[in-house]
């Protein structure tokens, strides 16, 4: 099956999305990014679905710092009403994780 310019455009968009986000887009995100329907996005991706599947199943082993940050973020979200962006929340989580790692070394 020969690739069409529209398929190549979709593949380029997906490559850039994966590079920026480290995971593949949903068909909904792809449809928005290309300005087409989800059905059309699904059809355009049929030639490179393996790339999408492989990107979605990358074996990523989180570090202890990542684990601590995730736990801290869960605690923050479970607490009082939060303000700020997701980036702020991530920064808070990693600040707590870093402090936990420093305290852990003191023992």
PDB file of N, CA and C in Angstrom:
ATOM      1  N   UNK A   1       0.835  -1.181   0.000  1.00  0.00           N
ATOM      2  CA  UNK A   1       0.000   0.000   0.000  1.00  0.00           C
ATOM      3  C   UNK A   1       0.880   1.245   0.000  1.00  0.00           C
ATOM      4  N   UNK A   2       0.694   2.096  -0.963  1.00  0.00           N
ATOM      5  CA  UNK A   2       1.513   3.293  -1.113  1.00  0.00           C
ATOM      6  C   UNK A   2       1.007   4.422  -0.203  1.00  0.00           C
ATOM      7  N   UNK A   3       1.960   5.117   0.389  1.00  0.00           N
ATOM      8  CA  UNK A   3       1.634   6.237   1.261  1.00  0.00           C
ATOM      9  C   UNK A   3       1.185   7.441   0.438  1.00  0.00           C
ATOM     10  N   UNK A   4       0.154   8.123   0.926  1.00  0.00           N
ATOM     11  CA  UNK A   4      -0.347   9.322   0.245  1.00  0.00           C
ATOM     12  C   UNK A   4       0.191  10.561   0.959  1.00  0.00           C
ATOM     13  N   UNK A   5       0.115  11.733   0.323  1.00  0.00           N
ATOM     14  CA  UNK A   5       0.552  12.955   1.011  1.00  0.00           C
ATOM     15  C   UNK A   5      -0.208  13.197   2.316  1.00  0.00           C
ATOM     16  N   UNK A   6      -1.499  12.860   2.357  1.00  0.00           N
ATOM     17  CA  UNK A   6      -2.277  13.065   3.582  1.00  0.00           C
ATOM     18  C   UNK A   6      -1.801  12.127   4.689  1.00  0.00           C
ATOM     19  N   UNK A   7      -1.471  10.890   4.307  1.00  0.00           N
ATOM     20  CA  UNK A   7      -0.952   9.944   5.288  1.00  0.00           C
ATOM     21  C   UNK A   7       0.409  10.404   5.791  1.00  0.00           C
ATOM     22  N   UNK A   8       1.244  10.895   4.883  1.00  0.00           N
ATOM     23  CA  UNK A   8       2.566  11.401   5.282  1.00  0.00           C
ATOM     24  C   UNK A   8       2.436  12.598   6.212  1.00  0.00           C
ATOM     25  N   UNK A   9       1.463  13.469   5.949  1.00  0.00           N
ATOM     26  CA  UNK A   9       1.208  14.622   6.822  1.00  0.00           C
ATOM     27  C   UNK A   9       0.805  14.142   8.214  1.00  0.00           C
ATOM     28  N   UNK A  10      -0.074  13.139   8.264  1.00  0.00           N
ATOM     29  CA  UNK A  10      -0.523  12.599   9.545  1.00  0.00           C
ATOM     30  C   UNK A  10       0.645  11.959  10.293  1.00  0.00           C
ATOM     31  N   UNK A  11       1.482  11.209   9.577  1.00  0.00           N
ATOM     32  CA  UNK A  11       2.617  10.557  10.220  1.00  0.00           C
ATOM     33  C   UNK A  11       3.609  11.589  10.765  1.00  0.00           C
ATOM     34  N   UNK A  12       3.834  12.643  10.021  1.00  0.00           N
ATOM     35  CA  UNK A  12       4.735  13.711  10.487  1.00  0.00           C
ATOM     36  C   UNK A  12       4.166  14.362  11.744  1.00  0.00           C
ATOM     37  N   UNK A  13       2.857  14.618  11.742  1.00  0.00           N
ATOM     38  CA  UNK A  13       2.218  15.234  12.910  1.00  0.00           C
ATOM     39  C   UNK A  13       2.356  14.316  14.121  1.00  0.00           C
ATOM     40  N   UNK A  14       2.124  13.004  13.918  1.00  0.00           N
ATOM     41  CA  UNK A  14       2.245  12.031  15.010  1.00  0.00           C
ATOM     42  C   UNK A  14       3.675  11.979  15.523  1.00  0.00           C
ATOM     43  N   UNK A  15       4.657  11.957  14.624  1.00  0.00           N
ATOM     44  CA  UNK A  15       6.066  11.939  15.036  1.00  0.00           C
ATOM     45  C   UNK A  15       6.392  13.137  15.925  1.00  0.00           C
ATOM     46  N   UNK A  16       5.927  14.317  15.526  1.00  0.00           N
ATOM     47  CA  UNK A  16       6.182  15.530  16.311  1.00  0.00           C
ATOM     48  C   UNK A  16       5.466  15.461  17.661  1.00  0.00           C
ATOM     49  N   UNK A  17       4.246  14.948  17.650  1.00  0.00           N
ATOM     50  CA  UNK A  17       3.486  14.821  18.896  1.00  0.00           C
ATOM     51  C   UNK A  17       4.215  13.890  19.867  1.00  0.00           C
ATOM     52  N   UNK A  18       4.661  12.724  19.352  1.00  0.00           N
ATOM     53  CA  UNK A  18       5.364  11.768  20.206  1.00  0.00           C
ATOM     54  C   UNK A  18       6.666  12.369  20.728  1.00  0.00           C
ATOM     55  N   UNK A  19       7.379  13.094  19.886  1.00  0.00           N
ATOM     56  CA  UNK A  19       8.628  13.729  20.323  1.00  0.00           C
ATOM     57  C   UNK A  19       8.368  14.744  21.437  1.00  0.00           C
ATOM     58  N   UNK A  20       7.281  15.506  21.323  1.00  0.00           N
ATOM     59  CA  UNK A  20       6.949  16.521  22.325  1.00  0.00           C
ATOM     60  C   UNK A  20       6.389  15.928  23.613  1.00  0.00           C
ATOM     61  N   UNK A  21       5.626  14.830  23.513  1.00  0.00           N
ATOM     62  CA  UNK A  21       4.879  14.320  24.660  1.00  0.00           C
ATOM     63  C   UNK A  21       5.363  12.968  25.192  1.00  0.00           C
ATOM     64  N   UNK A  22       6.193  12.269  24.459  1.00  0.00           N
ATOM     65  CA  UNK A  22       6.722  10.937  24.793  1.00  0.00           C
ATOM     66  C   UNK A  22       5.664   9.831  24.764  1.00  0.00           C
ATOM     67  N   UNK A  23       4.498  10.118  24.250  1.00  0.00           N
ATOM     68  CA  UNK A  23       3.457   9.106  24.058  1.00  0.00           C
ATOM     69  C   UNK A  23       2.641   9.508  22.834  1.00  0.00           C
ATOM     70  N   UNK A  24       1.957   8.551  22.212  1.00  0.00           N
ATOM     71  CA  UNK A  24       1.227   8.867  20.984  1.00  0.00           C
ATOM     72  C   UNK A  24      -0.090   9.585  21.272  1.00  0.00           C
ATOM     73  N   UNK A  25      -0.605  10.308  20.290  1.00  0.00           N
ATOM     74  CA  UNK A  25      -1.886  10.983  20.463  1.00  0.00           C
ATOM     75  C   UNK A  25      -3.039   9.995  20.356  1.00  0.00           C
ATOM     76  N   UNK A  26      -4.172  10.373  20.926  1.00  0.00           N
ATOM     77  CA  UNK A  26      -5.391   9.617  20.690  1.00  0.00           C
ATOM     78  C   UNK A  26      -5.894   9.996  19.299  1.00  0.00           C
ATOM     79  N   UNK A  27      -6.819   9.223  18.772  1.00  0.00           N
ATOM     80  CA  UNK A  27      -7.383   9.597  17.472  1.00  0.00           C
ATOM     81  C   UNK A  27      -8.110  10.936  17.570  1.00  0.00           C
ATOM     82  N   UNK A  28      -8.693  11.214  18.735  1.00  0.00           N
ATOM     83  CA  UNK A  28      -9.360  12.502  18.937  1.00  0.00           C
ATOM     84  C   UNK A  28      -8.345  13.648  18.824  1.00  0.00           C
ATOM     85  N   UNK A  29      -7.208  13.504  19.504  1.00  0.00           N
ATOM     86  CA  UNK A  29      -6.161  14.533  19.432  1.00  0.00           C
ATOM     87  C   UNK A  29      -5.626  14.678  18.009  1.00  0.00           C
ATOM     88  N   UNK A  30      -5.466  13.554  17.334  1.00  0.00           N
ATOM     89  CA  UNK A  30      -5.001  13.589  15.946  1.00  0.00           C
ATOM     90  C   UNK A  30      -6.014  14.294  15.052  1.00  0.00           C
ATOM     91  N   UNK A  31      -7.289  14.011  15.266  1.00  0.00           N
ATOM     92  CA  UNK A  31      -8.312  14.658  14.441  1.00  0.00           C
ATOM     93  C   UNK A  31      -8.316  16.169  14.648  1.00  0.00           C
ATOM     94  N   UNK A  32      -8.118  16.601  15.883  1.00  0.00           N
ATOM     95  CA  UNK A  32      -8.053  18.042  16.166  1.00  0.00           C
ATOM     96  C   UNK A  32      -6.792  18.633  15.540  1.00  0.00           C
ATOM     97  N   UNK A  33      -5.658  17.955  15.724  1.00  0.00           N
ATOM     98  CA  UNK A  33      -4.384  18.445  15.200  1.00  0.00           C
ATOM     99  C   UNK A  33      -4.375  18.590  13.688  1.00  0.00           C
ATOM    100  N   UNK A  34      -5.074  17.674  13.001  1.00  0.00           N
ATOM    101  CA  UNK A  34      -5.105  17.721  11.532  1.00  0.00           C
ATOM    102  C   UNK A  34      -6.366  18.396  10.989  1.00  0.00           C
ATOM    103  N   UNK A  35      -7.305  18.704  11.881  1.00  0.00           N
ATOM    104  CA  UNK A  35      -8.547  19.348  11.435  1.00  0.00           C
ATOM    105  C   UNK A  35      -9.435  18.416  10.625  1.00  0.00           C
ATOM    106  N   UNK A  36      -9.477  17.134  11.018  1.00  0.00           N
ATOM    107  CA  UNK A  36     -10.297  16.139  10.316  1.00  0.00           C
ATOM    108  C   UNK A  36     -11.119  15.355  11.336  1.00  0.00           C
ATOM    109  N   UNK A  37     -12.023  14.524  10.864  1.00  0.00           N
ATOM    110  CA  UNK A  37     -12.838  13.715  11.774  1.00  0.00           C
ATOM    111  C   UNK A  37     -11.999  12.592  12.382  1.00  0.00           C
ATOM    112  N   UNK A  38     -12.495  12.012  13.499  1.00  0.00           N
ATOM    113  CA  UNK A  38     -11.788  10.889  14.112  1.00  0.00           C
ATOM    114  C   UNK A  38     -11.737   9.694  13.164  1.00  0.00           C
ATOM    115  N   UNK A  39     -12.794   9.509  12.408  1.00  0.00           N
ATOM    116  CA  UNK A  39     -12.821   8.409  11.438  1.00  0.00           C
ATOM    117  C   UNK A  39     -11.734   8.598  10.392  1.00  0.00           C
ATOM    118  N   UNK A  40     -11.595   9.818   9.898  1.00  0.00           N
ATOM    119  CA  UNK A  40     -10.554  10.106   8.907  1.00  0.00           C
ATOM    120  C   UNK A  40      -9.165   9.950   9.528  1.00  0.00           C
ATOM    121  N   UNK A  41      -9.013  10.364  10.781  1.00  0.00           N
ATOM    122  CA  UNK A  41      -7.725  10.215  11.463  1.00  0.00           C
ATOM    123  C   UNK A  41      -7.371   8.739  11.589  1.00  0.00           C
ATOM    124  N   UNK A  42      -8.341   7.920  11.940  1.00  0.00           N
ATOM    125  CA  UNK A  42      -8.121   6.478  12.059  1.00  0.00           C
ATOM    126  C   UNK A  42      -7.695   5.901  10.714  1.00  0.00           C
ATOM    127  N   UNK A  43      -8.380   6.307   9.662  1.00  0.00           N
ATOM    128  CA  UNK A  43      -8.061   5.800   8.317  1.00  0.00           C
ATOM    129  C   UNK A  43      -6.657   6.220   7.878  1.00  0.00           C
ATOM    130  N   UNK A  44      -6.274   7.448   8.166  1.00  0.00           N
ATOM    131  CA  UNK A  44      -4.955   7.930   7.742  1.00  0.00           C
ATOM    132  C   UNK A  44      -3.820   7.232   8.467  1.00  0.00           C
ATOM    133  N   UNK A  45      -4.100   6.718   9.636  1.00  0.00           N
ATOM    134  CA  UNK A  45      -3.048   6.093  10.444  1.00  0.00           C
ATOM    135  C   UNK A  45      -2.897   4.599  10.183  1.00  0.00           C
ATOM    136  N   UNK A  46      -3.716   4.035   9.344  1.00  0.00           N
ATOM    137  CA  UNK A  46      -3.667   2.578   9.161  1.00  0.00           C
ATOM    138  C   UNK A  46      -2.321   2.085   8.665  1.00  0.00           C
ATOM    139  N   UNK A  47      -1.575   2.940   7.956  1.00  0.00           N
ATOM    140  CA  UNK A  47      -0.284   2.510   7.416  1.00  0.00           C
ATOM    141  C   UNK A  47       0.837   2.557   8.455  1.00  0.00           C
ATOM    142  N   UNK A  48       0.628   3.282   9.540  1.00  0.00           N
ATOM    143  CA  UNK A  48       1.708   3.341  10.542  1.00  0.00           C
ATOM    144  C   UNK A  48       1.181   3.076  11.951  1.00  0.00           C
ATOM    145  N   UNK A  49       0.149   2.246  12.059  1.00  0.00           N
ATOM    146  CA  UNK A  49      -0.400   1.892  13.367  1.00  0.00           C
ATOM    147  C   UNK A  49       0.627   1.209  14.267  1.00  0.00           C
ATOM    148  N   UNK A  50       1.551   0.455  13.678  1.00  0.00           N
ATOM    149  CA  UNK A  50       2.577  -0.198  14.499  1.00  0.00           C
ATOM    150  C   UNK A  50       3.407   0.823  15.271  1.00  0.00           C
ATOM    151  N   UNK A  51       3.692   1.952  14.634  1.00  0.00           N
ATOM    152  CA  UNK A  51       4.457   3.013  15.302  1.00  0.00           C
ATOM    153  C   UNK A  51       3.672   3.547  16.497  1.00  0.00           C
ATOM    154  N   UNK A  52       2.371   3.732  16.330  1.00  0.00           N
ATOM    155  CA  UNK A  52       1.532   4.228  17.425  1.00  0.00           C
ATOM    156  C   UNK A  52       1.496   3.218  18.567  1.00  0.00           C
ATOM    157  N   UNK A  53       1.359   1.959  18.232  1.00  0.00           N
ATOM    158  CA  UNK A  53       1.297   0.914  19.244  1.00  0.00           C
ATOM    159  C   UNK A  53       2.621   0.799  19.986  1.00  0.00           C
ATOM    160  N   UNK A  54       3.725   0.828  19.258  1.00  0.00           N
ATOM    161  CA  UNK A  54       5.039   0.730  19.883  1.00  0.00           C
ATOM    162  C   UNK A  54       5.278   1.914  20.814  1.00  0.00           C
ATOM    163  N   UNK A  55       4.926   3.115  20.373  1.00  0.00           N
ATOM    164  CA  UNK A  55       5.119   4.305  21.206  1.00  0.00           C
ATOM    165  C   UNK A  55       4.259   4.238  22.465  1.00  0.00           C
ATOM    166  N   UNK A  56       3.091   3.621  22.360  1.00  0.00           N
ATOM    167  CA  UNK A  56       2.189   3.540  23.510  1.00  0.00           C
ATOM    168  C   UNK A  56       2.639   2.503  24.527  1.00  0.00           C
ATOM    169  N   UNK A  57       3.495   1.575  24.119  1.00  0.00           N
ATOM    170  CA  UNK A  57       3.886   0.495  25.024  1.00  0.00           C
ATOM    171  C   UNK A  57       5.372   0.534  25.372  1.00  0.00           C
ATOM    172  N   UNK A  58       5.963   1.714  25.299  1.00  0.00           N
ATOM    173  CA  UNK A  58       7.365   1.845  25.683  1.00  0.00           C
ATOM    174  C   UNK A  58       7.502   1.426  27.145  1.00  0.00           C
ATOM    175  N   UNK A  59       8.446   0.546  27.416  1.00  0.00           N
ATOM    176  CA  UNK A  59       8.661   0.071  28.774  1.00  0.00           C
ATOM    177  C   UNK A  59       9.454   1.138  29.521  1.00  0.00           C
ATOM    178  N   UNK A  60       8.796   1.837  30.401  1.00  0.00           N
ATOM    179  CA  UNK A  60       9.422   2.922  31.139  1.00  0.00           C
ATOM    180  C   UNK A  60       9.445   2.548  32.601  1.00  0.00           C
ATOM    181  N   UNK A  61      10.606   2.519  33.170  1.00  0.00           N
ATOM    182  CA  UNK A  61      10.780   2.145  34.566  1.00  0.00           C
ATOM    183  C   UNK A  61      10.950   3.431  35.382  1.00  0.00           C
ATOM    184  N   UNK A  62       9.946   3.793  36.193  1.00  0.00           N
ATOM    185  CA  UNK A  62      10.070   5.033  36.971  1.00  0.00           C
ATOM    186  C   UNK A  62      11.146   4.906  38.052  1.00  0.00           C
ATOM    187  N   UNK A  63      11.776   6.020  38.340  1.00  0.00           N
ATOM    188  CA  UNK A  63      12.789   6.048  39.397  1.00  0.00           C
ATOM    189  C   UNK A  63      12.108   6.219  40.750  1.00  0.00           C
ATOM    190  N   UNK A  64      12.884   6.085  41.810  1.00  0.00           N
ATOM    191  CA  UNK A  64      12.354   6.313  43.150  1.00  0.00           C
ATOM    192  C   UNK A  64      11.876   7.759  43.277  1.00  0.00           C
ATOM    193  N   UNK A  65      12.570   8.677  42.643  1.00  0.00           N
ATOM    194  CA  UNK A  65      12.162  10.084  42.647  1.00  0.00           C
ATOM    195  C   UNK A  65      10.788  10.240  41.990  1.00  0.00           C
ATOM    196  N   UNK A  66      10.578   9.556  40.842  1.00  0.00           N
ATOM    197  CA  UNK A  66       9.285   9.614  40.168  1.00  0.00           C
ATOM    198  C   UNK A  66       8.183   9.037  41.060  1.00  0.00           C
ATOM    199  N   UNK A  67       8.493   7.935  41.721  1.00  0.00           N
ATOM    200  CA  UNK A  67       7.517   7.306  42.620  1.00  0.00           C
ATOM    201  C   UNK A  67       7.136   8.273  43.745  1.00  0.00           C
ATOM    202  N   UNK A  68       8.144   8.863  44.400  1.00  0.00           N
ATOM    203  CA  UNK A  68       7.867   9.808  45.478  1.00  0.00           C
ATOM    204  C   UNK A  68       7.052  11.001  44.979  1.00  0.00           C
ATOM    205  N   UNK A  69       7.404  11.511  43.793  1.00  0.00           N
ATOM    206  CA  UNK A  69       6.666  12.648  43.244  1.00  0.00           C
ATOM    207  C   UNK A  69       5.209  12.265  42.997  1.00  0.00           C
ATOM    208  N   UNK A  70       4.986  11.086  42.450  1.00  0.00           N
ATOM    209  CA  UNK A  70       3.620  10.625  42.213  1.00  0.00           C
ATOM    210  C   UNK A  70       2.820  10.517  43.503  1.00  0.00           C
ATOM    211  N   UNK A  71       3.467   9.996  44.538  1.00  0.00           N
ATOM    212  CA  UNK A  71       2.790   9.884  45.834  1.00  0.00           C
ATOM    213  C   UNK A  71       2.486  11.265  46.410  1.00  0.00           C
ATOM    214  N   UNK A  72       3.428  12.184  46.272  1.00  0.00           N
ATOM    215  CA  UNK A  72       3.221  13.546  46.775  1.00  0.00           C
ATOM    216  C   UNK A  72       2.075  14.224  46.029  1.00  0.00           C
ATOM    217  N   UNK A  73       2.031  14.051  44.718  1.00  0.00           N
ATOM    218  CA  UNK A  73       0.968  14.656  43.908  1.00  0.00           C
ATOM    219  C   UNK A  73      -0.391  14.089  44.315  1.00  0.00           C
ATOM    220  N   UNK A  74      -0.464  12.789  44.577  1.00  0.00           N
ATOM    221  CA  UNK A  74      -1.725  12.198  45.033  1.00  0.00           C
ATOM    222  C   UNK A  74      -2.170  12.824  46.342  1.00  0.00           C
ATOM    223  N   UNK A  75      -1.202  13.032  47.245  1.00  0.00           N
ATOM    224  CA  UNK A  75      -1.529  13.660  48.514  1.00  0.00           C
ATOM    225  C   UNK A  75      -2.000  15.093  48.341  1.00  0.00           C
ATOM    226  N   UNK A  76      -1.338  15.826  47.463  1.00  0.00           N
ATOM    227  CA  UNK A  76      -1.733  17.213  47.200  1.00  0.00           C
ATOM    228  C   UNK A  76      -3.144  17.250  46.634  1.00  0.00           C
ATOM    229  N   UNK A  77      -3.431  16.374  45.677  1.00  0.00           N
ATOM    230  CA  UNK A  77      -4.759  16.350  45.053  1.00  0.00           C
ATOM    231  C   UNK A  77      -5.849  15.901  46.019  1.00  0.00           C
ATOM    232  N   UNK A  78      -5.494  15.070  46.983  1.00  0.00           N
ATOM    233  CA  UNK A  78      -6.476  14.580  47.947  1.00  0.00           C
ATOM    234  C   UNK A  78      -6.793  15.626  49.015  1.00  0.00           C
ATOM    235  N   UNK A  79      -5.924  16.622  49.134  1.00  0.00           N
ATOM    236  CA  UNK A  79      -6.090  17.642  50.165  1.00  0.00           C
ATOM    237  C   UNK A  79      -7.053  18.742  49.760  1.00  0.00           C
ATOM    238  N   UNK A  80      -6.816  19.896  50.306  1.00  0.00           N
ATOM    239  CA  UNK A  80      -7.669  21.060  50.064  1.00  0.00           C
ATOM    240  C   UNK A  80      -7.690  21.438  48.590  1.00  0.00           C
ATOM    241  N   UNK A  81      -8.622  22.304  48.244  1.00  0.00           N
ATOM    242  CA  UNK A  81      -8.752  22.737  46.846  1.00  0.00           C
ATOM    243  C   UNK A  81      -7.435  23.319  46.355  1.00  0.00           C
ATOM    244  N   UNK A  82      -7.034  22.862  45.205  1.00  0.00           N
ATOM    245  CA  UNK A  82      -5.747  23.228  44.636  1.00  0.00           C
ATOM    246  C   UNK A  82      -5.915  24.332  43.609  1.00  0.00           C
ATOM    247  N   UNK A  83      -4.954  25.219  43.560  1.00  0.00           N
ATOM    248  CA  UNK A  83      -4.934  26.236  42.511  1.00  0.00           C
ATOM    249  C   UNK A  83      -3.624  26.101  41.758  1.00  0.00           C
ATOM    250  N   UNK A  84      -3.578  26.605  40.563  1.00  0.00           N
ATOM    251  CA  UNK A  84      -2.362  26.531  39.769  1.00  0.00           C
ATOM    252  C   UNK A  84      -2.501  25.522  38.647  1.00  0.00           C
ATOM    253  N   UNK A  85      -1.486  25.492  37.825  1.00  0.00           N
ATOM    254  CA  UNK A  85      -1.502  24.635  36.639  1.00  0.00           C
ATOM    255  C   UNK A  85      -0.985  23.242  36.954  1.00  0.00           C
ATOM    256  N   UNK A  86      -1.119  22.359  35.988  1.00  0.00           N
ATOM    257  CA  UNK A  86      -0.563  21.011  36.121  1.00  0.00           C
ATOM    258  C   UNK A  86       0.950  21.083  36.255  1.00  0.00           C
ATOM    259  N   UNK A  87       1.573  22.034  35.566  1.00  0.00           N
ATOM    260  CA  UNK A  87       3.026  22.207  35.690  1.00  0.00           C
ATOM    261  C   UNK A  87       3.405  22.576  37.117  1.00  0.00           C
ATOM    262  N   UNK A  88       2.598  23.447  37.744  1.00  0.00           N
ATOM    263  CA  UNK A  88       2.847  23.822  39.138  1.00  0.00           C
ATOM    264  C   UNK A  88       2.729  22.599  40.046  1.00  0.00           C
ATOM    265  N   UNK A  89       1.717  21.776  39.788  1.00  0.00           N
ATOM    266  CA  UNK A  89       1.510  20.574  40.585  1.00  0.00           C
ATOM    267  C   UNK A  89       2.693  19.620  40.438  1.00  0.00           C
ATOM    268  N   UNK A  90       3.151  19.425  39.213  1.00  0.00           N
ATOM    269  CA  UNK A  90       4.306  18.546  38.976  1.00  0.00           C
ATOM    270  C   UNK A  90       5.543  19.084  39.685  1.00  0.00           C
ATOM    271  N   UNK A  91       5.738  20.395  39.617  1.00  0.00           N
ATOM    272  CA  UNK A  91       6.894  21.003  40.284  1.00  0.00           C
ATOM    273  C   UNK A  91       6.811  20.784  41.791  1.00  0.00           C
ATOM    274  N   UNK A  92       5.628  20.941  42.362  1.00  0.00           N
ATOM    275  CA  UNK A  92       5.448  20.710  43.796  1.00  0.00           C
ATOM    276  C   UNK A  92       5.748  19.255  44.150  1.00  0.00           C
ATOM    277  N   UNK A  93       5.254  18.337  43.319  1.00  0.00           N
ATOM    278  CA  UNK A  93       5.481  16.922  43.570  1.00  0.00           C
ATOM    279  C   UNK A  93       6.957  16.581  43.568  1.00  0.00           C
ATOM    280  N   UNK A  94       7.699  17.102  42.597  1.00  0.00           N
ATOM    281  CA  UNK A  94       9.136  16.805  42.526  1.00  0.00           C
ATOM    282  C   UNK A  94       9.926  17.548  43.603  1.00  0.00           C
ATOM    283  N   UNK A  95       9.443  18.689  44.050  1.00  0.00           N
ATOM    284  CA  UNK A  95      10.089  19.383  45.173  1.00  0.00           C
ATOM    285  C   UNK A  95       9.978  18.525  46.430  1.00  0.00           C
ATOM    286  N   UNK A  96       8.790  17.966  46.664  1.00  0.00           N
ATOM    287  CA  UNK A  96       8.594  17.079  47.814  1.00  0.00           C
ATOM    288  C   UNK A  96       9.453  15.824  47.656  1.00  0.00           C
ATOM    289  N   UNK A  97       9.483  15.247  46.452  1.00  0.00           N
ATOM    290  CA  UNK A  97      10.274  14.042  46.203  1.00  0.00           C
ATOM    291  C   UNK A  97      11.755  14.291  46.477  1.00  0.00           C
ATOM    292  N   UNK A  98      12.262  15.423  46.019  1.00  0.00           N
ATOM    293  CA  UNK A  98      13.668  15.756  46.246  1.00  0.00           C
ATOM    294  C   UNK A  98      13.966  15.878  47.744  1.00  0.00           C
ATOM    295  N   UNK A  99      13.044  16.506  48.479  1.00  0.00           N
ATOM    296  CA  UNK A  99      13.229  16.639  49.930  1.00  0.00           C
ATOM    297  C   UNK A  99      13.207  15.260  50.597  1.00  0.00           C
ATOM    298  N   UNK A 100      12.357  14.372  50.130  1.00  0.00           N
ATOM    299  CA  UNK A 100      12.298  13.027  50.688  1.00  0.00           C
ATOM    300  C   UNK A 100      13.600  12.270  50.426  1.00  0.00           C
ATOM    301  N   UNK A 101      14.152  12.426  49.241  1.00  0.00           N
ATOM    302  CA  UNK A 101      15.415  11.748  48.922  1.00  0.00           C
ATOM    303  C   UNK A 101      16.570  12.282  49.766  1.00  0.00           C
ATOM    304  N   UNK A 102      16.574  13.581  50.020  1.00  0.00           N
ATOM    305  CA  UNK A 102      17.617  14.183  50.864  1.00  0.00           C
ATOM    306  C   UNK A 102      17.498  13.629  52.287  1.00  0.00           C
ATOM    307  N   UNK A 103      16.289  13.580  52.810  1.00  0.00           N
ATOM    308  CA  UNK A 103      16.078  13.045  54.164  1.00  0.00           C
ATOM    309  C   UNK A 103      16.443  11.570  54.234  1.00  0.00           C
ATOM    310  N   UNK A 104      16.176  10.846  53.190  1.00  0.00           N
ATOM    311  CA  UNK A 104      16.480   9.421  53.126  1.00  0.00           C
ATOM    312  C   UNK A 104      17.977   9.169  53.221  1.00  0.00           C
ATOM    313  N   UNK A 105      18.785  10.059  52.647  1.00  0.00           N
ATOM    314  CA  UNK A 105      20.244   9.913  52.691  1.00  0.00           C
ATOM    315  C   UNK A 105      20.821  10.175  54.079  1.00  0.00           C
ATOM    316  N   UNK A 106      20.071  10.923  54.897  1.00  0.00           N
ATOM    317  CA  UNK A 106      20.559  11.271  56.238  1.00  0.00           C
ATOM    318  C   UNK A 106      20.566  10.073  57.178  1.00  0.00           C
ATOM    319  N   UNK A 107      19.782   9.058  56.876  1.00  0.00           N
ATOM    320  CA  UNK A 107      19.699   7.900  57.780  1.00  0.00           C
ATOM    321  C   UNK A 107      20.919   7.051  57.757  1.00  0.00           C
TER     322      UNK A 107
END
